[in-house]
Amino acid sequence: MKNIYVFDDPVSLETKYSPEKDKQIKDFKNKWPKFNDDIKIDGNELIFIISNECEISEHNRMVDFLESNVGYERAFNEQGSELDQNFYKDLYDLFSNDEGKVMFDTGNYDCRMETVGKFDSSHYFELKSDGLHWREDDEYDDEEEGYDEDEYGEDED
């Protein structure tokens, strides 16, 4: 890999588990077997583990998961192989709440990820039915540019 993906903490998707989801979980696991170990039930929580570590430095299936870039808002990809769009739809259907949003273990509907290496960047992503939607981390951009609003006052005429 050319870059290291860095999360603030290990990251996963979470939703309330209920026995009504058992068939949907079984169908997901049958359709996407390479992700079977990433789906867990912990008490009343259904969990999809994106990373148990704060860094991903080797190519793995989660690098492929992160390759989705609906709208091409992330500056670069090509670290992995893009997964079938139906994978994201099935995962979304399994984890979306009544409002149509997918929550991360942080309690947020998006997740921050930095890329360090050949290309340095910081983005947020969220899971929607058609894949991952990315947006740049505005704070990171300001730090990178060294931009300070106080230095650039308006011209006085």
Protein backbone atom coordinates (compact mmCIF):
# COMPACT_ATOMS: atom_id res chain seq x y z
CA MET A 1 0.00 0.00 0.00
CA LYS A 2 1.19 3.50 -0.77
CA ASN A 3 -0.68 5.06 2.14
CA ILE A 4 -1.68 4.27 5.70
CA TYR A 5 -5.32 4.77 6.64
CA VAL A 6 -5.65 6.24 10.13
CA PHE A 7 -8.81 6.37 12.27
CA ASP A 8 -9.23 8.18 15.58
CA ASP A 9 -10.21 4.84 17.18
CA PRO A 10 -11.04 1.35 15.96
CA VAL A 11 -14.20 1.79 13.90
CA SER A 12 -17.41 -0.12 13.24
CA LEU A 13 -21.02 0.30 12.21
CA GLU A 14 -23.66 -0.36 14.88
CA THR A 15 -27.38 -0.78 15.10
CA LYS A 16 -29.86 -2.35 17.47
CA TYR A 17 -30.05 -6.11 17.14
CA SER A 18 -33.35 -7.92 17.18
CA PRO A 19 -34.17 -11.55 16.29
CA GLU A 20 -36.17 -10.16 13.34
CA LYS A 21 -32.82 -9.35 11.71
CA ASP A 22 -31.58 -12.97 11.85
CA LYS A 23 -32.73 -13.86 8.33
CA GLN A 24 -31.29 -10.64 6.92
CA ILE A 25 -27.95 -11.31 8.70
CA LYS A 26 -27.87 -14.89 7.40
CA ASP A 27 -28.64 -13.71 3.85
CA PHE A 28 -25.88 -11.08 4.07
CA LYS A 29 -23.34 -13.63 5.31
CA ASN A 30 -24.30 -16.10 2.57
CA LYS A 31 -24.04 -13.46 -0.14
CA TRP A 32 -20.81 -11.83 1.16
CA PRO A 33 -18.87 -14.66 2.87
CA LYS A 34 -15.52 -12.87 2.98
CA PHE A 35 -17.09 -10.41 5.47
CA ASN A 36 -18.60 -13.07 7.78
CA ASP A 37 -16.05 -12.46 10.52
CA ASP A 38 -16.82 -8.72 10.47
CA ILE A 39 -20.49 -9.11 11.47
CA LYS A 40 -20.97 -9.61 15.22
CA ILE A 41 -23.86 -9.63 17.65
CA ASP A 42 -22.92 -8.24 21.04
CA GLY A 43 -25.89 -8.23 23.41
CA ASN A 44 -28.48 -6.01 21.80
CA GLU A 45 -26.03 -4.52 19.25
CA LEU A 46 -25.38 -5.66 15.69
CA ILE A 47 -21.85 -4.65 14.66
CA PHE A 48 -19.93 -4.52 11.38
CA ILE A 49 -16.23 -4.09 12.12
CA ILE A 50 -14.39 -1.82 9.69
CA SER A 51 -11.11 -1.91 11.61
CA ASN A 52 -10.06 -3.30 14.99
CA GLU A 53 -6.97 -1.13 14.75
CA CYS A 54 -6.51 2.63 14.42
CA GLU A 55 -4.34 2.10 11.33
CA ILE A 56 -4.61 0.03 8.19
CA SER A 57 -1.21 -0.29 6.53
CA GLU A 58 -1.60 -3.55 4.61
CA HIS A 59 -4.09 -4.30 1.85
CA ASN A 60 -7.08 -6.21 3.23
CA ARG A 61 -10.81 -6.53 2.55
CA MET A 62 -11.49 -3.29 4.46
CA VAL A 63 -9.23 -1.37 2.11
CA ASP A 64 -11.52 -2.71 -0.62
CA PHE A 65 -14.53 -1.62 1.46
CA LEU A 66 -13.11 1.92 1.72
CA GLU A 67 -12.53 2.12 -2.05
CA SER A 68 -16.16 3.16 -2.69
CA ASN A 69 -16.31 6.85 -3.58
CA VAL A 70 -19.78 7.90 -4.68
CA GLY A 71 -19.56 11.35 -6.26
CA TYR A 72 -15.74 11.17 -6.37
CA GLU A 73 -15.35 13.58 -3.45
CA ARG A 74 -12.28 11.80 -2.12
CA ALA A 75 -9.14 13.02 -3.82
CA PHE A 76 -7.77 9.57 -4.67
CA ASN A 77 -8.48 5.90 -4.34
CA GLU A 78 -6.79 2.97 -6.03
CA GLN A 79 -5.58 1.38 -2.78
CA GLY A 80 -7.93 -1.56 -3.20
CA SER A 81 -10.49 -3.17 -5.44
CA GLU A 82 -13.92 -1.58 -5.55
CA LEU A 83 -16.67 -3.82 -4.20
CA ASP A 84 -19.96 -4.53 -5.91
CA GLN A 85 -22.50 -1.75 -5.31
CA ASN A 86 -24.98 -4.37 -4.06
CA PHE A 87 -22.67 -5.05 -1.11
CA TYR A 88 -23.19 -1.48 0.15
CA LYS A 89 -26.94 -1.69 -0.46
CA ASP A 90 -27.16 -4.91 1.57
CA LEU A 91 -24.99 -3.49 4.36
CA TYR A 92 -27.05 -0.28 4.37
CA ASP A 93 -30.30 -2.25 4.54
CA LEU A 94 -28.95 -4.21 7.50
CA PHE A 95 -27.65 -1.19 9.47
CA SER A 96 -29.81 1.80 8.54
CA ASN A 97 -32.14 3.18 11.19
CA ASP A 98 -35.71 4.50 10.87
CA GLU A 99 -34.30 7.80 9.57
CA GLY A 100 -32.37 6.04 6.79
CA LYS A 101 -28.98 6.71 8.38
CA VAL A 102 -26.19 4.37 9.41
CA MET A 103 -24.49 4.99 12.74
CA PHE A 104 -20.87 4.35 13.62
CA ASP A 105 -19.77 3.11 17.04
CA THR A 106 -18.91 6.72 17.94
CA GLY A 107 -22.59 7.63 17.80
CA ASN A 108 -22.01 9.72 14.65
CA TYR A 109 -23.37 9.15 11.18
CA ASP A 110 -19.97 9.74 9.62
CA CYS A 111 -16.43 8.61 10.30
CA ARG A 112 -13.15 10.53 10.00
CA MET A 113 -10.20 8.91 8.27
CA GLU A 114 -6.78 10.36 7.54
CA THR A 115 -4.50 9.10 4.83
CA VAL A 116 -0.78 9.34 5.51
CA GLY A 117 1.97 8.47 3.06
CA LYS A 118 2.22 9.25 -0.61
CA PHE A 119 -0.89 11.44 -0.32
CA ASP A 120 -1.86 13.10 2.97
CA SER A 121 -5.52 13.92 3.43
CA SER A 122 -8.36 13.84 5.90
CA HIS A 123 -11.91 12.96 4.95
CA TYR A 124 -15.20 11.93 6.50
CA PHE A 125 -17.29 9.15 5.02
CA GLU A 126 -20.80 7.91 5.57
CA LEU A 127 -22.55 4.80 4.30
CA LYS A 128 -25.56 5.26 2.08
CA SER A 129 -27.39 2.68 0.00
CA ASP A 130 -25.22 3.32 -3.07
CA GLY A 131 -21.85 3.22 -1.28
CA LEU A 132 -19.54 5.47 0.71
CA HIS A 133 -19.98 9.21 0.41
CA TRP A 134 -16.85 11.19 1.26
CA ARG A 135 -16.24 14.84 2.13
CA GLU A 136 -13.03 16.64 2.95
CA ASP A 137 -12.19 17.54 6.51
CA ASP A 138 -12.25 21.36 6.32
CA GLU A 139 -10.12 21.74 9.45
CA TYR A 140 -7.40 19.60 7.89
CA ASP A 141 -7.41 21.71 4.72
CA ASP A 142 -6.95 24.92 6.72
CA GLU A 143 -4.01 23.38 8.61
CA GLU A 144 -2.41 22.13 5.40
CA GLU A 145 -2.72 25.47 3.68
CA GLY A 146 -1.47 27.37 6.70
CA TYR A 147 -4.41 29.70 6.22
CA ASP A 148 -5.12 32.10 9.03
CA GLU A 149 -8.14 34.37 8.60
CA ASP A 150 -6.62 37.00 10.89
CA GLU A 151 -3.70 37.48 8.49
CA TYR A 152 -5.98 38.34 5.60
CA GLY A 153 -8.10 41.30 6.58
CA GLU A 154 -10.18 43.19 4.07
CA ASP A 155 -8.56 46.11 2.25
CA GLU A 156 -9.32 49.41 3.85
CA ASP A 157 -10.19 52.10 1.32
